[in-house]
Amino acid sequence: MRGCAKASAFVQPRGCRMKQILYMEPVLKERIWGGERLRDFGYSLQSDRVGECWGVSAHPNGCCRVRSGPYDGRTLADLWSSERELFGGAEGEDFPLLIKLIDARTDLSIQVHPDDRYAFENENGAKGKTECWYVVDATEGATIIIGHHAESREEFRRMVGEHRYSELLREIPVKAGDFFQIDPGCVHAIKGGTLILETQTNSDVTYRIYDYDRLQNGALRPLHTKQAIDVVEAPFCEAKSRPEKTVTRIGDCTLTCFSRRPQYTVYLAETDGTADIPLSGMFHTMSVLSGSGFIDGSRVTKGDHLILSAGYGNICAVGSFTAMITRV
């Protein structure tokens, strides 16, 4: 391993019982707008409408299990509850992140998320939702919805009431490698032809504004117009959705930091050779988006989702692969 310090998945670091790489077993979700492209990540799909892979999740609507090693078979929620030292003693009742791959064969609904205060007061103590998107792939001509053109909340309310969505919504072209930060209050929608890696806080609260009048099981899906108007940011601030990125070169790896928020820091690691990558923070998640290689001698390949325990220190990355890394 040229250029890497000698490393092992079972070295004792300060502040953590044992240095661990936890491989997650993803949870796959059928969606009305889903497709089949997640097969390309090595997942076994049971239908042609699989829209989401929850790669790192402790949410009750889809909780991942560890698929190897000393914690084989245990859920992430269980580890968060009973093995908190793996996460550096991080505080909070719930695991803070949810990492998804999203395959949109057709358009997702137009939606918006609440902040923590509004969700707590109106959704039985739930948490709000902050998320970001990295575009893994997009067909030619693909677009997404980010923001709107209303100058005030009242104008937003009026345009929604009059179904003037073509005037209201801000639709922009999208390509592989694009990144978008979606804070609470930001109107958004993933549209058909896009494959996205989504990093979000551990919440499933979404307010649907418009759903193209399509049917699911013979009925219209419910809208949440009042709640959406309550929480929408108006006017829309484009700068918040496209934070400035920073690029660092370490050995044979390019690290691109896309977003720093109180909830998470997200950066892309593109390795083609060997690199000794420093990690800091309580713990890290990693989702491998292409290629294959090794992390401290443990093989990683496209479609793998894993957690590097707190106090891990540097990782020795060898191979040719791209991975999204997130830390709290």
Protein backbone atom coordinates (compact mmCIF):
# COMPACT_ATOMS: atom_id res chain seq x y z
CA MET A 1 0.00 0.00 0.00
CA ARG A 2 2.27 2.71 -1.33
CA GLY A 3 2.08 5.96 0.64
CA CYS A 4 -0.26 4.67 3.34
CA ALA A 5 0.45 4.22 6.99
CA LYS A 6 -0.03 0.62 8.09
CA ALA A 7 -3.66 0.25 9.17
CA SER A 8 -6.07 -2.40 10.40
CA ALA A 9 -9.80 -2.56 11.02
CA PHE A 10 -9.08 -3.76 14.55
CA VAL A 11 -6.66 -1.17 15.94
CA GLN A 12 -7.58 0.42 19.27
CA PRO A 13 -7.96 4.21 18.90
CA ARG A 14 -8.41 6.75 21.64
CA GLY A 15 -12.03 7.32 22.68
CA CYS A 16 -13.49 4.26 20.94
CA ARG A 17 -13.70 0.62 22.02
CA MET A 18 -12.38 -0.61 18.69
CA LYS A 19 -11.70 0.75 15.24
CA GLN A 20 -14.51 -0.63 13.09
CA ILE A 21 -15.79 -0.68 9.52
CA LEU A 22 -19.50 -1.48 9.63
CA TYR A 23 -20.96 -2.65 6.32
CA MET A 24 -24.68 -1.91 6.05
CA GLU A 25 -27.36 -4.10 4.43
CA PRO A 26 -29.46 -1.64 2.37
CA VAL A 27 -33.25 -1.38 2.57
CA LEU A 28 -34.95 -1.07 -0.83
CA LYS A 29 -38.20 0.86 -1.30
CA GLU A 30 -40.76 0.60 -4.08
CA ARG A 31 -42.06 3.98 -5.25
CA ILE A 32 -44.69 5.02 -7.79
CA TRP A 33 -41.95 6.91 -9.67
CA GLY A 34 -39.17 4.30 -9.26
CA GLY A 35 -37.29 2.27 -11.85
CA GLU A 36 -34.65 -0.44 -12.24
CA ARG A 37 -31.32 1.40 -12.34
CA LEU A 38 -30.41 0.42 -8.80
CA ARG A 39 -29.59 -3.02 -10.24
CA ASP A 40 -26.40 -1.36 -11.50
CA PHE A 41 -25.27 -1.09 -7.86
CA GLY A 42 -25.52 -4.85 -7.34
CA TYR A 43 -28.88 -4.83 -5.57
CA SER A 44 -31.46 -7.55 -6.15
CA LEU A 45 -34.69 -5.80 -7.11
CA GLN A 46 -38.06 -7.46 -6.63
CA SER A 47 -39.89 -5.14 -9.02
CA ASP A 48 -39.35 -2.57 -11.76
CA ARG A 49 -40.52 0.26 -9.47
CA VAL A 50 -37.71 0.44 -6.90
CA GLY A 51 -37.10 4.12 -6.28
CA GLU A 52 -34.95 4.23 -3.16
CA CYS A 53 -32.10 2.41 -1.50
CA TRP A 54 -31.76 3.38 2.15
CA GLY A 55 -28.05 2.66 2.46
CA VAL A 56 -27.40 3.96 5.98
CA SER A 57 -30.56 4.20 8.04
CA ALA A 58 -31.75 3.68 11.60
CA HIS A 59 -35.21 5.09 10.82
CA PRO A 60 -38.14 2.86 11.89
CA ASN A 61 -39.53 3.03 8.34
CA GLY A 62 -36.41 1.24 7.08
CA CYS A 63 -33.61 0.25 9.46
CA CYS A 64 -30.38 -1.22 8.09
CA ARG A 65 -28.56 -4.19 9.59
CA VAL A 66 -24.82 -4.81 9.74
CA ARG A 67 -23.93 -7.54 7.23
CA SER A 68 -20.56 -8.78 8.49
CA GLY A 69 -18.04 -8.66 11.32
CA PRO A 70 -18.57 -8.77 15.09
CA TYR A 71 -21.91 -6.91 14.86
CA ASP A 72 -23.30 -9.05 12.03
CA GLY A 73 -27.10 -9.01 11.94
CA ARG A 74 -27.60 -6.22 14.45
CA THR A 75 -29.58 -3.15 13.44
CA LEU A 76 -28.08 0.31 13.27
CA ALA A 77 -30.76 1.50 15.71
CA ASP A 78 -29.65 -1.17 18.19
CA LEU A 79 -25.99 -0.19 17.88
CA TRP A 80 -26.86 3.48 18.34
CA SER A 81 -28.77 2.58 21.50
CA SER A 82 -26.38 0.10 23.11
CA GLU A 83 -22.93 0.61 21.52
CA ARG A 84 -22.73 4.40 21.53
CA GLU A 85 -18.94 4.33 21.88
CA LEU A 86 -18.79 3.28 18.21
CA PHE A 87 -20.14 6.75 17.44
CA GLY A 88 -17.88 8.61 19.85
CA GLY A 89 -20.59 9.03 22.46
CA ALA A 90 -22.55 11.30 20.10
CA GLU A 91 -25.67 12.66 21.76
CA GLY A 92 -29.26 12.32 20.66
CA GLU A 93 -32.01 9.78 20.97
CA ASP A 94 -31.87 8.88 17.27
CA PHE A 95 -29.07 8.20 14.79
CA PRO A 96 -28.70 11.58 13.04
CA LEU A 97 -28.35 10.69 9.34
CA LEU A 98 -30.17 8.87 6.55
CA ILE A 99 -28.27 8.14 3.31
CA LYS A 100 -30.26 7.20 0.19
CA LEU A 101 -29.78 6.40 -3.47
CA ILE A 102 -32.80 7.62 -5.47
CA ASP A 103 -33.68 6.38 -8.95
CA ALA A 104 -36.35 8.60 -10.51
CA ARG A 105 -37.78 7.00 -13.64
CA THR A 106 -40.56 9.60 -13.57
CA ASP A 107 -41.05 12.86 -11.65
CA LEU A 108 -41.30 12.98 -7.87
CA SER A 109 -43.90 15.26 -6.31
CA ILE A 110 -43.24 18.93 -5.66
CA GLN A 111 -42.48 19.18 -1.94
CA VAL A 112 -40.96 21.11 0.93
CA HIS A 113 -39.67 20.16 4.39
CA PRO A 114 -40.21 21.81 7.78
CA ASP A 115 -37.52 22.85 10.23
CA ASP A 116 -37.15 21.22 13.65
CA ARG A 117 -39.38 23.70 15.45
CA TYR A 118 -42.35 23.38 13.10
CA ALA A 119 -42.06 19.57 12.91
CA PHE A 120 -41.86 19.25 16.68
CA GLU A 121 -44.95 21.41 17.19
CA ASN A 122 -47.03 19.96 14.36
CA GLU A 123 -45.82 16.39 13.76
CA ASN A 124 -46.00 14.83 17.23
CA GLY A 125 -42.48 15.79 18.25
CA ALA A 126 -40.84 14.75 14.97
CA LYS A 127 -37.67 16.35 13.66
CA GLY A 128 -37.44 18.61 10.63
CA LYS A 129 -35.55 17.65 7.52
CA THR A 130 -32.39 19.04 5.93
CA GLU A 131 -30.97 17.25 2.91
CA CYS A 132 -28.59 17.54 -0.03
CA TRP A 133 -28.33 15.92 -3.45
CA TYR A 134 -25.34 14.71 -5.43
CA VAL A 135 -26.31 13.84 -9.01
CA VAL A 136 -24.76 10.46 -9.80
CA ASP A 137 -26.26 10.26 -13.27
CA ALA A 138 -28.76 12.14 -15.44
CA THR A 139 -30.20 11.50 -18.88
CA GLU A 140 -29.77 14.11 -21.60
CA GLY A 141 -32.14 17.00 -21.01
CA ALA A 142 -32.92 16.04 -17.41
CA THR A 143 -34.12 18.78 -15.06
CA ILE A 144 -34.97 19.26 -11.38
CA ILE A 145 -37.07 21.70 -9.39
CA ILE A 146 -35.16 23.94 -6.99
CA GLY A 147 -36.99 26.95 -5.59
CA HIS A 148 -39.81 29.11 -6.96
CA HIS A 149 -40.49 32.54 -8.45
CA ALA A 150 -42.96 33.95 -5.90
CA GLU A 151 -41.81 37.16 -4.21
CA SER A 152 -43.72 36.53 -0.97
CA ARG A 153 -45.52 33.81 0.92
CA GLU A 154 -48.84 35.39 -0.01
CA GLU A 155 -47.96 35.28 -3.70
CA PHE A 156 -46.86 31.67 -3.28
CA ARG A 157 -50.20 30.86 -1.63
CA ARG A 158 -52.11 32.53 -4.46
CA MET A 159 -50.20 30.80 -7.26
CA VAL A 160 -50.60 27.38 -5.62
CA GLY A 161 -54.34 28.04 -5.15
CA GLU A 162 -54.64 28.92 -8.83
CA HIS A 163 -52.54 25.89 -9.90
CA ARG A 164 -50.07 28.14 -11.74
CA TYR A 165 -47.26 25.68 -11.27
CA SER A 166 -45.51 26.28 -14.60
CA GLU A 167 -45.09 29.96 -13.61
CA LEU A 168 -44.34 29.28 -9.97
CA LEU A 169 -41.70 26.56 -10.03
CA ARG A 170 -38.03 27.08 -10.81
CA GLU A 171 -36.95 24.25 -13.13
CA ILE A 172 -33.28 23.99 -14.08
CA PRO A 173 -31.15 21.57 -16.17
CA VAL A 174 -29.08 19.02 -14.30
CA LYS A 175 -26.10 16.80 -15.10
CA ALA A 176 -23.92 14.22 -13.37
CA GLY A 177 -21.67 15.81 -10.75
CA ASP A 178 -24.07 18.61 -9.79
CA PHE A 179 -24.75 19.23 -6.10
CA PHE A 180 -27.68 20.94 -4.36
CA GLN A 181 -28.30 21.81 -0.71
CA ILE A 182 -31.98 21.57 0.30
CA ASP A 183 -32.63 23.44 3.55
CA PRO A 184 -36.04 23.46 5.28
CA GLY A 185 -38.41 25.74 3.39
CA CYS A 186 -36.81 25.10 -0.04
CA VAL A 187 -39.34 23.92 -2.63
CA HIS A 188 -37.84 21.02 -4.59
CA ALA A 189 -38.48 17.94 -6.71
CA ILE A 190 -36.30 15.28 -8.27
CA LYS A 191 -37.50 14.70 -11.83
CA GLY A 192 -37.41 11.75 -14.18
CA GLY A 193 -34.09 10.62 -15.60
CA THR A 194 -31.98 11.44 -12.54
CA LEU A 195 -30.09 9.15 -10.16
CA ILE A 196 -29.18 10.90 -6.93
CA LEU A 197 -27.27 10.22 -3.72
CA GLU A 198 -29.21 11.99 -0.98
CA THR A 199 -27.76 12.80 2.42
CA GLN A 200 -30.36 13.92 4.93
CA THR A 201 -31.16 14.23 8.59
CA ASN A 202 -33.03 11.28 10.09
CA SER A 203 -36.55 12.41 9.33
CA ASP A 204 -39.34 11.26 7.04
CA VAL A 205 -41.49 14.42 7.24
CA THR A 206 -42.36 15.77 3.78
CA TYR A 207 -45.10 18.17 2.70
CA ARG A 208 -46.42 17.48 -0.79
CA ILE A 209 -47.46 20.60 -2.74
CA TYR A 210 -48.34 19.10 -6.14
CA ASP A 211 -48.33 15.56 -7.53
CA TYR A 212 -49.40 15.99 -11.17
CA ASP A 213 -52.90 14.65 -10.33
CA ARG A 214 -51.62 11.08 -10.70
CA LEU A 215 -53.26 8.10 -9.03
CA GLN A 216 -51.87 5.51 -6.65
CA ASN A 217 -54.07 2.48 -6.07
CA GLY A 218 -56.88 4.33 -7.81
CA ALA A 219 -56.76 7.46 -5.65
CA LEU A 220 -54.98 10.80 -5.60
CA ARG A 221 -52.10 10.98 -3.14
CA PRO A 222 -52.76 13.49 -0.35
CA LEU A 223 -51.38 17.02 -0.53
CA HIS A 224 -50.21 19.10 2.44
CA THR A 225 -50.90 22.58 1.11
CA LYS A 226 -51.43 24.38 4.43
CA GLN A 227 -48.28 22.98 6.01
CA ALA A 228 -46.24 23.71 2.88
CA ILE A 229 -47.35 27.35 2.84
CA ASP A 230 -46.56 27.61 6.55
CA VAL A 231 -42.93 26.54 6.08
CA VAL A 232 -41.97 27.73 2.59
CA GLU A 233 -39.12 30.20 2.23
CA ALA A 234 -40.26 33.18 0.16
CA PRO A 235 -38.62 34.65 -1.74
CA PHE A 236 -36.29 31.79 -2.70
CA CYS A 237 -32.55 32.30 -2.07
CA GLU A 238 -30.57 30.54 -4.80
CA ALA A 239 -27.20 30.97 -3.05
CA LYS A 240 -28.27 28.65 -0.22
CA SER A 241 -28.92 25.81 -2.65
CA ARG A 242 -25.51 26.00 -4.38
CA PRO A 243 -22.86 26.36 -1.64
CA GLU A 244 -19.30 27.02 -2.71
CA LYS A 245 -17.26 23.83 -2.91
CA THR A 246 -13.61 23.34 -1.93
CA VAL A 247 -11.22 20.86 -3.58
CA THR A 248 -8.19 19.23 -1.93
CA ARG A 249 -5.69 16.77 -3.38
CA ILE A 250 -4.31 14.06 -1.04
CA GLY A 251 -2.04 11.48 -2.65
CA ASP A 252 -3.98 9.91 -5.51
CA CYS A 253 -7.33 11.14 -4.17
CA THR A 254 -9.33 14.29 -4.91
CA LEU A 255 -11.59 15.39 -2.04
CA THR A 256 -14.38 17.79 -2.91
CA CYS A 257 -16.25 19.28 0.03
CA PHE A 258 -19.74 20.23 -1.17
CA SER A 259 -21.58 21.28 1.97
CA ARG A 260 -20.91 22.17 5.59
CA ARG A 261 -24.01 22.40 7.73
CA PRO A 262 -24.53 22.03 11.49
CA GLN A 263 -26.18 18.70 10.67
CA TYR A 264 -23.44 17.25 8.43
CA THR A 265 -20.40 17.81 6.25
CA VAL A 266 -20.45 16.08 2.85
CA TYR A 267 -17.50 15.45 0.56
CA LEU A 268 -16.72 13.29 -2.45
CA ALA A 269 -13.56 11.15 -2.50
CA GLU A 270 -12.31 10.19 -5.98
CA THR A 271 -9.40 7.76 -5.61
CA ASP A 272 -7.29 6.41 -8.45
CA GLY A 273 -4.24 4.85 -6.84
CA THR A 274 -3.33 5.22 -3.17
CA ALA A 275 -4.17 7.86 -0.59
CA ASP A 276 -3.94 8.29 3.16
CA ILE A 277 -7.16 10.19 3.91
CA PRO A 278 -7.57 11.86 7.32
CA LEU A 279 -10.93 11.55 9.09
CA SER A 280 -12.15 13.76 11.92
CA GLY A 281 -15.40 13.94 13.85
CA MET A 282 -17.56 11.51 15.72
CA PHE A 283 -17.94 8.97 12.89
CA HIS A 284 -18.26 8.84 9.09
CA THR A 285 -20.55 7.20 6.58
CA MET A 286 -19.30 6.15 3.15
CA SER A 287 -21.32 5.25 0.05
CA VAL A 288 -19.39 3.85 -2.91
CA LEU A 289 -20.82 5.24 -6.16
CA SER A 290 -18.48 3.70 -8.73
CA GLY A 291 -15.45 1.45 -9.05
CA SER A 292 -13.83 -0.70 -6.40
CA GLY A 293 -10.82 -0.87 -4.11
CA PHE A 294 -9.79 -1.28 -0.51
CA ILE A 295 -10.14 0.69 2.72
CA ASP A 296 -7.44 -0.46 5.14
CA GLY A 297 -7.43 -3.82 3.41
CA SER A 298 -11.23 -4.24 3.47
CA ARG A 299 -12.70 -4.48 -0.02
CA VAL A 300 -15.24 -1.88 -1.10
CA THR A 301 -17.19 -1.85 -4.35
CA LYS A 302 -19.95 0.09 -6.08
CA GLY A 303 -23.14 -0.10 -4.02
CA ASP A 304 -21.45 -0.57 -0.63
CA HIS A 305 -22.59 1.61 2.27
CA LEU A 306 -20.55 1.60 5.45
CA ILE A 307 -19.84 3.40 8.69
CA LEU A 308 -16.32 4.14 9.95
CA SER A 309 -16.43 4.26 13.72
CA ALA A 310 -15.48 7.29 15.80
CA GLY A 311 -11.80 7.91 16.37
CA TYR A 312 -10.90 5.99 13.24
CA GLY A 313 -8.15 8.38 12.19
CA ASN A 314 -6.61 8.08 8.74
CA ILE A 315 -7.85 5.54 6.21
CA CYS A 316 -5.66 3.97 3.56
CA ALA A 317 -7.62 4.02 0.29
CA VAL A 318 -6.31 1.87 -2.56
CA GLY A 319 -7.93 1.32 -5.95
CA SER A 320 -10.08 3.22 -8.40
CA PHE A 321 -13.40 4.24 -6.88
CA THR A 322 -15.62 7.21 -6.03
CA ALA A 323 -17.38 7.49 -2.67
CA MET A 324 -19.49 10.07 -0.87
CA ILE A 325 -18.35 10.56 2.72
CA THR A 326 -20.43 12.27 5.40
CA ARG A 327 -19.57 13.25 8.96
CA VAL A 328 -21.63 14.87 11.68
